[in-house]
């Protein structure tokens, strides 16, 4: 008695090796892609996605190397200040948080929360 083996993705009959699970690379890829979409996003992916979004936002507002932006503008676009890659403390004691090469410091001017944006410089090493 022979057992009919079928592709896990498209359900076509398989021919060839006994341990074969997919009829071709396309079926194998689509099966694993669908399977990954059903799983909850991994912690690493969430962190990486937020870091990339933060960097993109900081880069878009910091064209000249230094800028000041209201915090509600950045937060409204999805910026999350809790996700950063490293920090740098200046001589005044201010701690700038960085997302790769783009840094930010939360300040309050005239009762309005803002972020001072800077770009990483060689002297910061």
N, C-alpha and C. Protein backbone atom coordinates (compact mmCIF):
# COMPACT_ATOMS: atom_id res chain seq x y z
N UNK A 1 0.83 -1.17 0.00
CA UNK A 1 0.00 0.00 0.00
C UNK A 1 0.88 1.25 0.00
N UNK A 2 0.68 2.11 -0.96
CA UNK A 2 1.47 3.33 -1.05
C UNK A 2 0.63 4.51 -0.58
N UNK A 3 1.29 5.40 0.10
CA UNK A 3 0.62 6.60 0.60
C UNK A 3 0.85 7.71 -0.42
N UNK A 4 -0.22 8.38 -0.78
CA UNK A 4 -0.12 9.48 -1.73
C UNK A 4 0.46 10.69 -1.00
N UNK A 5 1.60 11.19 -1.48
CA UNK A 5 2.25 12.36 -0.86
C UNK A 5 1.86 13.59 -1.65
N UNK A 6 1.51 14.68 -0.93
CA UNK A 6 1.11 15.92 -1.59
C UNK A 6 1.94 17.09 -1.08
N UNK A 7 2.07 18.10 -1.91
CA UNK A 7 2.78 19.34 -1.58
C UNK A 7 2.04 20.03 -0.44
N UNK A 8 2.76 20.50 0.56
CA UNK A 8 2.14 21.18 1.70
C UNK A 8 1.52 22.52 1.32
N UNK A 9 1.96 23.11 0.22
CA UNK A 9 1.45 24.42 -0.19
C UNK A 9 0.29 24.31 -1.17
N UNK A 10 0.49 23.60 -2.27
CA UNK A 10 -0.53 23.58 -3.33
C UNK A 10 -1.32 22.28 -3.40
N UNK A 11 -0.94 21.29 -2.62
CA UNK A 11 -1.64 20.00 -2.52
C UNK A 11 -1.54 19.13 -3.78
N UNK A 12 -0.62 19.45 -4.69
CA UNK A 12 -0.40 18.60 -5.87
C UNK A 12 0.37 17.36 -5.43
N UNK A 13 0.22 16.29 -6.19
CA UNK A 13 0.92 15.05 -5.87
C UNK A 13 2.42 15.24 -6.08
N UNK A 14 3.19 14.71 -5.14
CA UNK A 14 4.65 14.83 -5.22
C UNK A 14 5.24 13.60 -5.88
N UNK A 15 6.28 13.85 -6.64
CA UNK A 15 7.03 12.77 -7.27
C UNK A 15 8.49 12.96 -6.91
N UNK A 16 9.21 11.86 -6.76
CA UNK A 16 10.63 11.97 -6.44
C UNK A 16 10.93 11.41 -5.07
N UNK A 17 11.80 12.06 -4.36
CA UNK A 17 12.27 11.58 -3.05
C UNK A 17 11.11 11.35 -2.07
N UNK A 18 11.33 10.41 -1.19
CA UNK A 18 10.31 10.04 -0.22
C UNK A 18 10.07 11.16 0.79
N UNK A 19 11.13 11.90 1.16
CA UNK A 19 10.99 12.94 2.18
C UNK A 19 10.67 14.32 1.60
N UNK A 20 10.33 14.38 0.34
CA UNK A 20 10.01 15.64 -0.31
C UNK A 20 8.69 16.20 0.24
N UNK A 21 8.65 17.53 0.53
CA UNK A 21 7.46 18.14 1.11
C UNK A 21 6.80 19.16 0.18
N UNK A 22 7.58 19.70 -0.76
CA UNK A 22 7.08 20.73 -1.67
C UNK A 22 7.43 20.36 -3.10
N UNK A 23 6.60 20.82 -4.03
CA UNK A 23 6.86 20.48 -5.43
C UNK A 23 7.95 21.37 -6.05
N UNK A 24 8.11 22.60 -5.56
CA UNK A 24 9.16 23.48 -6.07
C UNK A 24 9.49 24.56 -5.03
N UNK A 25 10.47 25.40 -5.35
CA UNK A 25 10.90 26.45 -4.43
C UNK A 25 9.81 27.49 -4.19
N UNK A 26 9.01 27.76 -5.20
CA UNK A 26 7.93 28.74 -5.05
C UNK A 26 6.94 28.26 -3.98
N UNK A 27 6.54 27.01 -4.03
CA UNK A 27 5.61 26.47 -3.04
C UNK A 27 6.23 26.47 -1.64
N UNK A 28 7.50 26.13 -1.56
CA UNK A 28 8.19 26.12 -0.27
C UNK A 28 8.21 27.53 0.31
N UNK A 29 8.54 28.51 -0.49
CA UNK A 29 8.62 29.90 -0.05
C UNK A 29 7.24 30.42 0.38
N UNK A 30 6.23 30.19 -0.45
CA UNK A 30 4.90 30.69 -0.13
C UNK A 30 4.34 30.02 1.13
N UNK A 31 4.62 28.74 1.33
CA UNK A 31 4.16 28.03 2.52
C UNK A 31 4.76 28.66 3.79
N UNK A 32 6.08 28.89 3.77
CA UNK A 32 6.74 29.46 4.95
C UNK A 32 6.34 30.92 5.16
N UNK A 33 6.09 31.66 4.08
CA UNK A 33 5.64 33.05 4.21
C UNK A 33 4.26 33.10 4.89
N UNK A 34 3.34 32.26 4.41
CA UNK A 34 2.00 32.22 5.01
C UNK A 34 2.07 31.81 6.48
N UNK A 35 2.92 30.86 6.77
CA UNK A 35 3.08 30.38 8.13
C UNK A 35 3.62 31.50 9.03
N UNK A 36 4.57 32.29 8.53
CA UNK A 36 5.13 33.38 9.33
C UNK A 36 4.12 34.50 9.55
N UNK A 37 3.20 34.69 8.59
CA UNK A 37 2.17 35.72 8.74
C UNK A 37 1.16 35.35 9.82
N UNK A 38 0.97 34.07 10.05
CA UNK A 38 0.01 33.60 11.05
C UNK A 38 0.57 33.75 12.47
N UNK A 39 1.89 33.74 12.60
CA UNK A 39 2.52 33.85 13.91
C UNK A 39 2.53 35.30 14.38
N UNK A 40 2.56 35.50 15.68
CA UNK A 40 2.65 36.84 16.24
C UNK A 40 4.05 37.40 15.91
N UNK A 41 4.14 38.71 15.65
CA UNK A 41 5.45 39.30 15.34
C UNK A 41 6.44 39.08 16.49
N UNK A 42 7.66 38.77 16.12
CA UNK A 42 8.68 38.53 17.13
C UNK A 42 9.14 39.84 17.74
N UNK A 43 9.62 39.77 18.96
CA UNK A 43 10.08 40.95 19.69
C UNK A 43 11.16 41.69 18.91
N UNK A 44 12.11 40.94 18.35
CA UNK A 44 13.20 41.54 17.58
C UNK A 44 12.64 42.37 16.42
N UNK A 45 11.65 41.84 15.72
CA UNK A 45 11.07 42.55 14.58
C UNK A 45 10.39 43.84 15.03
N UNK A 46 9.69 43.81 16.17
CA UNK A 46 9.04 45.01 16.67
C UNK A 46 10.06 46.10 16.99
N UNK A 47 11.14 45.71 17.66
CA UNK A 47 12.18 46.67 18.03
C UNK A 47 12.85 47.22 16.78
N UNK A 48 13.21 46.35 15.87
CA UNK A 48 13.89 46.77 14.64
C UNK A 48 13.00 47.71 13.82
N UNK A 49 11.73 47.39 13.70
CA UNK A 49 10.80 48.24 12.94
C UNK A 49 10.67 49.62 13.59
N UNK A 50 10.60 49.67 14.92
CA UNK A 50 10.48 50.96 15.60
C UNK A 50 11.76 51.78 15.46
N UNK A 51 12.91 51.13 15.56
CA UNK A 51 14.18 51.85 15.37
C UNK A 51 14.28 52.44 13.97
N UNK A 52 13.89 51.66 12.98
CA UNK A 52 13.94 52.16 11.59
C UNK A 52 12.97 53.32 11.39
N UNK A 53 11.78 53.24 11.99
CA UNK A 53 10.82 54.34 11.89
C UNK A 53 11.36 55.58 12.60
N UNK A 54 11.90 55.42 13.81
CA UNK A 54 12.48 56.55 14.53
C UNK A 54 13.58 57.22 13.72
N UNK A 55 14.46 56.43 13.13
CA UNK A 55 15.56 56.98 12.34
C UNK A 55 15.03 57.76 11.14
N UNK A 56 14.06 57.20 10.46
CA UNK A 56 13.49 57.86 9.29
C UNK A 56 12.86 59.20 9.67
N UNK A 57 12.15 59.24 10.79
CA UNK A 57 11.52 60.48 11.25
C UNK A 57 12.57 61.52 11.63
N UNK A 58 13.56 61.10 12.43
CA UNK A 58 14.61 62.04 12.83
C UNK A 58 15.38 62.57 11.63
N UNK A 59 15.66 61.71 10.68
CA UNK A 59 16.39 62.13 9.48
C UNK A 59 15.58 63.16 8.69
N UNK A 60 14.28 62.96 8.60
CA UNK A 60 13.45 63.86 7.79
C UNK A 60 13.38 65.27 8.39
N UNK A 61 13.52 65.39 9.71
CA UNK A 61 13.44 66.70 10.35
C UNK A 61 14.81 67.33 10.63
N UNK A 62 15.88 66.59 10.42
CA UNK A 62 17.21 67.09 10.74
C UNK A 62 18.08 67.12 9.49
N UNK A 63 17.79 68.03 8.58
CA UNK A 63 18.53 68.13 7.32
C UNK A 63 19.86 68.86 7.48
N UNK A 64 19.93 69.83 8.42
CA UNK A 64 21.11 70.69 8.52
C UNK A 64 22.09 70.25 9.61
N UNK A 65 21.79 69.20 10.36
CA UNK A 65 22.69 68.76 11.41
C UNK A 65 22.20 69.13 12.80
N UNK A 66 21.33 70.16 12.90
CA UNK A 66 20.72 70.53 14.17
C UNK A 66 19.37 71.16 13.89
N UNK A 67 18.37 70.75 14.68
CA UNK A 67 17.01 71.28 14.50
C UNK A 67 16.25 71.14 15.81
N UNK A 68 15.17 71.90 15.93
CA UNK A 68 14.28 71.79 17.08
C UNK A 68 12.87 71.57 16.56
N UNK A 69 12.20 70.54 17.09
CA UNK A 69 10.87 70.17 16.61
C UNK A 69 9.98 69.93 17.83
N UNK A 70 8.73 70.35 17.74
CA UNK A 70 7.77 70.08 18.82
C UNK A 70 7.58 68.58 18.96
N UNK A 71 7.50 68.13 20.19
CA UNK A 71 7.40 66.69 20.44
C UNK A 71 6.14 66.09 19.85
N UNK A 72 5.02 66.84 19.87
CA UNK A 72 3.77 66.28 19.35
C UNK A 72 3.85 66.01 17.85
N UNK A 73 4.70 66.74 17.14
CA UNK A 73 4.87 66.51 15.70
C UNK A 73 5.53 65.15 15.48
N UNK A 74 6.63 64.90 16.22
CA UNK A 74 7.34 63.62 16.06
C UNK A 74 6.48 62.46 16.56
N UNK A 75 5.87 62.63 17.72
CA UNK A 75 5.05 61.55 18.29
C UNK A 75 3.85 61.24 17.40
N UNK A 76 3.31 62.26 16.75
CA UNK A 76 2.18 62.06 15.85
C UNK A 76 2.51 61.23 14.63
N UNK A 77 3.78 61.17 14.30
CA UNK A 77 4.21 60.36 13.15
C UNK A 77 4.67 58.97 13.55
N UNK A 78 4.56 58.64 14.83
CA UNK A 78 4.92 57.30 15.28
C UNK A 78 6.26 57.22 15.98
N UNK A 79 6.92 58.34 16.20
CA UNK A 79 8.21 58.36 16.89
C UNK A 79 8.01 57.88 18.33
N UNK A 80 8.88 56.98 18.79
CA UNK A 80 8.82 56.49 20.16
C UNK A 80 10.20 56.70 20.80
N UNK A 81 10.31 57.67 21.74
CA UNK A 81 11.61 57.99 22.33
C UNK A 81 12.18 56.89 23.22
N UNK A 82 11.41 55.87 23.50
CA UNK A 82 11.92 54.76 24.32
C UNK A 82 12.78 53.79 23.53
N UNK A 83 12.85 53.96 22.22
CA UNK A 83 13.65 53.08 21.37
C UNK A 83 14.82 53.88 20.81
N UNK A 84 16.02 53.56 21.26
CA UNK A 84 17.23 54.23 20.80
C UNK A 84 18.38 53.24 20.84
N UNK A 85 19.48 53.56 20.17
CA UNK A 85 20.60 52.62 20.07
C UNK A 85 21.72 52.93 21.06
N UNK A 86 21.95 54.19 21.38
CA UNK A 86 23.00 54.57 22.32
C UNK A 86 22.77 56.00 22.79
N UNK A 87 23.63 56.49 23.66
CA UNK A 87 23.49 57.85 24.16
C UNK A 87 24.84 58.55 24.21
N UNK A 88 24.78 59.87 24.36
CA UNK A 88 25.99 60.68 24.49
C UNK A 88 25.70 61.81 25.47
N UNK A 89 26.62 62.03 26.40
CA UNK A 89 26.46 63.08 27.41
C UNK A 89 27.42 64.22 27.08
N UNK A 90 26.88 65.44 26.94
CA UNK A 90 27.75 66.57 26.62
C UNK A 90 28.36 67.16 27.89
N UNK A 91 29.18 68.21 27.75
CA UNK A 91 29.88 68.80 28.89
C UNK A 91 28.93 69.46 29.89
N UNK A 92 27.75 69.87 29.44
CA UNK A 92 26.75 70.47 30.33
C UNK A 92 26.01 69.42 31.15
N UNK A 93 26.15 68.16 30.76
CA UNK A 93 25.45 67.08 31.44
C UNK A 93 24.17 66.64 30.75
N UNK A 94 23.86 67.24 29.59
CA UNK A 94 22.67 66.82 28.82
C UNK A 94 22.94 65.47 28.19
N UNK A 95 21.97 64.58 28.28
CA UNK A 95 22.11 63.25 27.70
C UNK A 95 21.27 63.17 26.43
N UNK A 96 21.95 63.07 25.30
CA UNK A 96 21.29 62.91 24.00
C UNK A 96 21.13 61.43 23.73
N UNK A 97 19.94 61.02 23.35
CA UNK A 97 19.70 59.65 22.95
C UNK A 97 19.82 59.58 21.43
N UNK A 98 20.41 58.51 20.93
CA UNK A 98 20.65 58.38 19.50
C UNK A 98 19.95 57.17 18.92
N UNK A 99 19.47 57.35 17.70
CA UNK A 99 19.00 56.25 16.87
C UNK A 99 19.98 56.21 15.71
N UNK A 100 20.97 55.34 15.84
CA UNK A 100 22.10 55.27 14.93
C UNK A 100 22.81 56.62 14.91
N UNK A 101 22.80 57.37 13.83
CA UNK A 101 23.56 58.62 13.77
C UNK A 101 22.73 59.86 14.10
N UNK A 102 21.45 59.69 14.39
CA UNK A 102 20.57 60.83 14.66
C UNK A 102 20.21 60.87 16.14
N UNK A 103 20.53 62.00 16.80
CA UNK A 103 20.29 62.14 18.22
C UNK A 103 19.15 63.09 18.53
N UNK A 104 18.62 62.95 19.75
CA UNK A 104 17.54 63.83 20.19
C UNK A 104 17.63 64.04 21.68
N UNK A 105 17.20 65.24 22.11
CA UNK A 105 17.17 65.61 23.52
C UNK A 105 15.85 66.29 23.77
N UNK A 106 15.12 65.81 24.77
CA UNK A 106 13.82 66.41 25.10
C UNK A 106 14.06 67.64 25.97
N UNK A 107 13.48 68.76 25.56
CA UNK A 107 13.58 70.02 26.31
C UNK A 107 12.20 70.64 26.43
N UNK A 108 12.09 71.59 27.35
CA UNK A 108 10.83 72.31 27.52
C UNK A 108 11.12 73.79 27.36
N UNK A 109 10.52 74.43 26.35
CA UNK A 109 10.70 75.85 26.11
C UNK A 109 9.32 76.51 26.15
N UNK A 110 9.14 77.51 27.02
CA UNK A 110 7.88 78.24 27.14
C UNK A 110 6.70 77.28 27.33
N UNK A 111 6.90 76.29 28.21
CA UNK A 111 5.88 75.29 28.52
C UNK A 111 5.48 74.40 27.33
N UNK A 112 6.34 74.32 26.33
CA UNK A 112 6.09 73.46 25.17
C UNK A 112 7.22 72.43 25.10
N UNK A 113 6.84 71.15 25.06
CA UNK A 113 7.86 70.10 24.95
C UNK A 113 8.35 70.01 23.52
N UNK A 114 9.68 69.99 23.39
CA UNK A 114 10.31 69.93 22.08
C UNK A 114 11.46 68.94 22.12
N UNK A 115 11.93 68.57 20.94
CA UNK A 115 13.12 67.75 20.83
C UNK A 115 14.18 68.53 20.06
N UNK A 116 15.38 68.59 20.63
CA UNK A 116 16.52 69.14 19.91
C UNK A 116 17.14 67.97 19.17
N UNK A 117 17.24 68.09 17.86
CA UNK A 117 17.78 67.01 17.03
C UNK A 117 19.20 67.37 16.59
N UNK A 118 20.07 66.39 16.69
CA UNK A 118 21.46 66.60 16.25
C UNK A 118 21.91 65.40 15.43
N UNK A 119 23.04 65.58 14.78
CA UNK A 119 23.66 64.51 13.98
C UNK A 119 24.96 64.13 14.68
N UNK A 120 25.29 62.84 14.70
CA UNK A 120 26.50 62.36 15.35
C UNK A 120 27.73 63.00 14.72
N UNK A 121 28.67 63.45 15.56
CA UNK A 121 29.91 64.07 15.11
C UNK A 121 31.10 63.25 15.60
N UNK A 122 32.24 63.37 14.94
CA UNK A 122 33.43 62.60 15.31
C UNK A 122 33.90 62.87 16.75
N UNK A 123 33.76 64.12 17.22
CA UNK A 123 34.24 64.44 18.56
C UNK A 123 33.42 63.77 19.66
N UNK A 124 32.29 63.18 19.34
CA UNK A 124 31.42 62.55 20.32
C UNK A 124 31.92 61.15 20.74
N UNK A 125 32.93 60.65 20.05
CA UNK A 125 33.45 59.30 20.37
C UNK A 125 34.11 59.27 21.73
